Amino acid sequence: MTIRNPGGTAPPPAPVRVLLRVLAAVVWTVLGLFAYFVCQGMFGGYREIHSGLLTTLGMVAIAVTGGIAWIVDERRPHGDE
């Protein structure tokens, strides 16, 4: 099987790819938990950690992520068109 690589650079070695994949999984898990905590209101009422700002930033991040997902889906070719 031939893999096309128009950039001419070699892919990273397997251990590096595994490490990057694990790191990406951890980051996405943390971001998902943060989104869950924001939606459940777990940061509400703690003025010493600026909970209002943290909740606002979380809601903005959730909205931006949803917007990006929507744009990517709209740009994707669909089979029924």
N, C-alpha and C. Protein backbone atom coordinates (compact mmCIF):
# COMPACT_ATOMS: atom_id res chain seq x y z
N MET A 1 0.84 -1.17 0.00
CA MET A 1 0.00 0.00 0.00
C MET A 1 0.89 1.23 0.00
N THR A 2 0.62 2.15 -0.90
CA THR A 2 1.41 3.37 -1.02
C THR A 2 0.64 4.53 -0.40
N ILE A 3 1.32 5.28 0.45
CA ILE A 3 0.72 6.46 1.06
C ILE A 3 1.27 7.67 0.34
N ARG A 4 0.39 8.50 -0.18
CA ARG A 4 0.82 9.70 -0.87
C ARG A 4 1.13 10.78 0.15
N ASN A 5 2.25 11.41 -0.06
CA ASN A 5 2.69 12.47 0.84
C ASN A 5 3.22 13.62 -0.01
N PRO A 6 2.33 14.52 -0.44
CA PRO A 6 2.76 15.58 -1.35
C PRO A 6 3.72 16.57 -0.71
N GLY A 7 3.74 16.69 0.60
CA GLY A 7 4.63 17.64 1.26
C GLY A 7 6.07 17.20 1.25
N GLY A 8 6.31 15.91 1.09
CA GLY A 8 7.66 15.40 1.03
C GLY A 8 8.28 15.12 2.40
N THR A 9 7.57 15.40 3.48
CA THR A 9 8.11 15.12 4.80
C THR A 9 7.65 13.75 5.26
N ALA A 10 8.50 13.10 5.99
CA ALA A 10 8.17 11.78 6.51
C ALA A 10 7.24 11.91 7.72
N PRO A 11 6.31 10.97 7.87
CA PRO A 11 5.45 11.02 9.06
C PRO A 11 6.28 10.74 10.31
N PRO A 12 5.82 11.22 11.47
CA PRO A 12 6.58 10.97 12.69
C PRO A 12 6.60 9.48 13.02
N PRO A 13 7.60 9.04 13.77
CA PRO A 13 7.67 7.62 14.12
C PRO A 13 6.47 7.20 14.98
N ALA A 14 6.24 5.89 15.04
CA ALA A 14 5.07 5.34 15.73
C ALA A 14 4.96 5.78 17.19
N PRO A 15 6.04 5.74 17.99
CA PRO A 15 5.88 6.16 19.39
C PRO A 15 5.44 7.63 19.53
N VAL A 16 5.92 8.48 18.63
CA VAL A 16 5.52 9.88 18.67
C VAL A 16 4.05 10.02 18.31
N ARG A 17 3.59 9.27 17.31
CA ARG A 17 2.18 9.30 16.93
C ARG A 17 1.29 8.82 18.07
N VAL A 18 1.72 7.77 18.77
CA VAL A 18 0.95 7.26 19.90
C VAL A 18 0.90 8.30 21.01
N LEU A 19 2.02 8.93 21.30
CA LEU A 19 2.06 9.96 22.34
C LEU A 19 1.15 11.14 21.97
N LEU A 20 1.20 11.57 20.73
CA LEU A 20 0.34 12.67 20.29
C LEU A 20 -1.14 12.28 20.36
N ARG A 21 -1.45 11.05 20.01
CA ARG A 21 -2.84 10.59 20.07
C ARG A 21 -3.35 10.54 21.51
N VAL A 22 -2.51 10.05 22.42
CA VAL A 22 -2.89 10.01 23.84
C VAL A 22 -3.04 11.42 24.39
N LEU A 23 -2.12 12.30 24.04
CA LEU A 23 -2.20 13.68 24.49
C LEU A 23 -3.47 14.36 23.97
N ALA A 24 -3.81 14.12 22.72
CA ALA A 24 -5.03 14.69 22.15
C ALA A 24 -6.26 14.14 22.87
N ALA A 25 -6.26 12.86 23.19
CA ALA A 25 -7.40 12.27 23.91
C ALA A 25 -7.56 12.90 25.29
N VAL A 26 -6.45 13.13 25.98
CA VAL A 26 -6.51 13.75 27.31
C VAL A 26 -7.02 15.18 27.21
N VAL A 27 -6.51 15.93 26.24
CA VAL A 27 -6.94 17.33 26.09
C VAL A 27 -8.43 17.40 25.76
N TRP A 28 -8.90 16.57 24.83
CA TRP A 28 -10.33 16.58 24.48
C TRP A 28 -11.19 16.15 25.65
N THR A 29 -10.71 15.21 26.47
CA THR A 29 -11.46 14.78 27.64
C THR A 29 -11.58 15.92 28.65
N VAL A 30 -10.49 16.62 28.90
CA VAL A 30 -10.51 17.75 29.83
C VAL A 30 -11.44 18.85 29.32
N LEU A 31 -11.37 19.15 28.03
CA LEU A 31 -12.26 20.17 27.47
C LEU A 31 -13.73 19.74 27.53
N GLY A 32 -13.99 18.47 27.30
CA GLY A 32 -15.35 17.97 27.41
C GLY A 32 -15.88 18.05 28.83
N LEU A 33 -15.04 17.71 29.80
CA LEU A 33 -15.44 17.82 31.20
C LEU A 33 -15.68 19.28 31.58
N PHE A 34 -14.84 20.19 31.10
CA PHE A 34 -15.04 21.61 31.37
C PHE A 34 -16.39 22.07 30.81
N ALA A 35 -16.70 21.65 29.59
CA ALA A 35 -17.99 22.02 29.00
C ALA A 35 -19.15 21.45 29.82
N TYR A 36 -19.01 20.23 30.30
CA TYR A 36 -20.05 19.62 31.13
C TYR A 36 -20.22 20.41 32.43
N PHE A 37 -19.11 20.74 33.07
CA PHE A 37 -19.18 21.48 34.33
C PHE A 37 -19.81 22.85 34.15
N VAL A 38 -19.50 23.51 33.03
CA VAL A 38 -20.11 24.82 32.75
C VAL A 38 -21.61 24.66 32.56
N CYS A 39 -22.01 23.65 31.79
CA CYS A 39 -23.44 23.45 31.53
C CYS A 39 -24.21 23.09 32.80
N GLN A 40 -23.57 22.42 33.73
CA GLN A 40 -24.22 22.05 34.98
C GLN A 40 -24.17 23.17 36.01
N GLY A 41 -23.46 24.24 35.74
CA GLY A 41 -23.38 25.37 36.65
C GLY A 41 -22.51 25.11 37.86
N MET A 42 -21.52 24.25 37.73
CA MET A 42 -20.67 23.90 38.86
C MET A 42 -19.72 25.01 39.28
N PHE A 43 -19.54 26.02 38.44
CA PHE A 43 -18.64 27.12 38.79
C PHE A 43 -19.41 28.31 39.35
N GLY A 44 -20.69 28.18 39.50
CA GLY A 44 -21.50 29.31 39.96
C GLY A 44 -21.32 29.58 41.45
N GLY A 45 -21.24 30.85 41.80
CA GLY A 45 -21.23 31.24 43.19
C GLY A 45 -19.87 31.33 43.86
N TYR A 46 -18.80 31.17 43.13
CA TYR A 46 -17.46 31.25 43.72
C TYR A 46 -16.78 32.52 43.25
N ARG A 47 -16.99 33.61 43.97
CA ARG A 47 -16.43 34.89 43.54
C ARG A 47 -14.91 34.90 43.60
N GLU A 48 -14.31 34.12 44.50
CA GLU A 48 -12.86 34.16 44.63
C GLU A 48 -12.14 33.58 43.42
N ILE A 49 -12.83 32.78 42.61
CA ILE A 49 -12.19 32.25 41.39
C ILE A 49 -12.80 32.87 40.13
N HIS A 50 -13.52 33.98 40.30
CA HIS A 50 -14.15 34.68 39.17
C HIS A 50 -15.05 33.75 38.38
N SER A 51 -15.99 33.11 39.06
CA SER A 51 -16.84 32.11 38.43
C SER A 51 -17.69 32.67 37.30
N GLY A 52 -18.11 33.91 37.41
CA GLY A 52 -18.91 34.49 36.33
C GLY A 52 -18.13 34.57 35.04
N LEU A 53 -16.88 35.00 35.13
CA LEU A 53 -16.02 35.07 33.95
C LEU A 53 -15.73 33.68 33.40
N LEU A 54 -15.48 32.73 34.30
CA LEU A 54 -15.19 31.37 33.87
C LEU A 54 -16.39 30.76 33.15
N THR A 55 -17.58 30.98 33.68
CA THR A 55 -18.79 30.46 33.05
C THR A 55 -19.02 31.13 31.69
N THR A 56 -18.80 32.43 31.62
CA THR A 56 -18.97 33.14 30.34
C THR A 56 -17.99 32.63 29.30
N LEU A 57 -16.74 32.46 29.69
CA LEU A 57 -15.73 31.94 28.76
C LEU A 57 -16.09 30.52 28.31
N GLY A 58 -16.58 29.73 29.22
CA GLY A 58 -16.99 28.36 28.86
C GLY A 58 -18.14 28.35 27.87
N MET A 59 -19.12 29.21 28.09
CA MET A 59 -20.26 29.26 27.17
C MET A 59 -19.84 29.79 25.80
N VAL A 60 -18.93 30.76 25.78
CA VAL A 60 -18.41 31.25 24.50
C VAL A 60 -17.66 30.14 23.78
N ALA A 61 -16.85 29.39 24.50
CA ALA A 61 -16.10 28.28 23.89
C ALA A 61 -17.04 27.22 23.34
N ILE A 62 -18.12 26.91 24.06
CA ILE A 62 -19.09 25.94 23.57
C ILE A 62 -19.78 26.46 22.31
N ALA A 63 -20.15 27.74 22.30
CA ALA A 63 -20.81 28.32 21.13
C ALA A 63 -19.88 28.36 19.92
N VAL A 64 -18.63 28.73 20.14
CA VAL A 64 -17.66 28.78 19.03
C VAL A 64 -17.42 27.38 18.47
N THR A 65 -17.30 26.40 19.34
CA THR A 65 -17.10 25.02 18.89
C THR A 65 -18.28 24.54 18.07
N GLY A 66 -19.49 24.85 18.53
CA GLY A 66 -20.69 24.48 17.77
C GLY A 66 -20.74 25.18 16.42
N GLY A 67 -20.34 26.45 16.39
CA GLY A 67 -20.32 27.19 15.13
C GLY A 67 -19.31 26.62 14.15
N ILE A 68 -18.15 26.26 14.66
CA ILE A 68 -17.12 25.66 13.79
C ILE A 68 -17.61 24.32 13.25
N ALA A 69 -18.22 23.51 14.10
CA ALA A 69 -18.74 22.21 13.65
C ALA A 69 -19.82 22.41 12.58
N TRP A 70 -20.66 23.41 12.76
CA TRP A 70 -21.71 23.67 11.78
C TRP A 70 -21.10 24.11 10.44
N ILE A 71 -20.12 25.00 10.47
CA ILE A 71 -19.47 25.47 9.24
C ILE A 71 -18.76 24.33 8.53
N VAL A 72 -18.05 23.50 9.27
CA VAL A 72 -17.35 22.36 8.66
C VAL A 72 -18.36 21.42 8.02
N ASP A 73 -19.49 21.17 8.69
CA ASP A 73 -20.50 20.28 8.13
C ASP A 73 -21.13 20.87 6.88
N GLU A 74 -21.35 22.17 6.86
CA GLU A 74 -21.94 22.80 5.69
C GLU A 74 -21.00 22.80 4.49
N ARG A 75 -19.72 22.84 4.73
CA ARG A 75 -18.73 22.86 3.63
C ARG A 75 -18.44 21.47 3.10
N ARG A 76 -18.83 20.45 3.83
CA ARG A 76 -18.57 19.07 3.45
C ARG A 76 -19.50 18.66 2.32
N PRO A 77 -19.00 17.92 1.33
CA PRO A 77 -19.89 17.50 0.25
C PRO A 77 -20.89 16.46 0.76
N HIS A 78 -22.16 16.67 0.42
CA HIS A 78 -23.21 15.74 0.82
C HIS A 78 -23.60 14.89 -0.37
N GLY A 79 -24.03 13.68 -0.13
CA GLY A 79 -24.38 12.76 -1.20
C GLY A 79 -25.68 13.07 -1.91
N ASP A 80 -26.57 13.84 -1.29
CA ASP A 80 -27.89 14.10 -1.88
C ASP A 80 -27.91 15.34 -2.76
N GLU A 81 -26.80 15.99 -2.96
CA GLU A 81 -26.80 17.21 -3.78
C GLU A 81 -26.25 16.96 -5.15
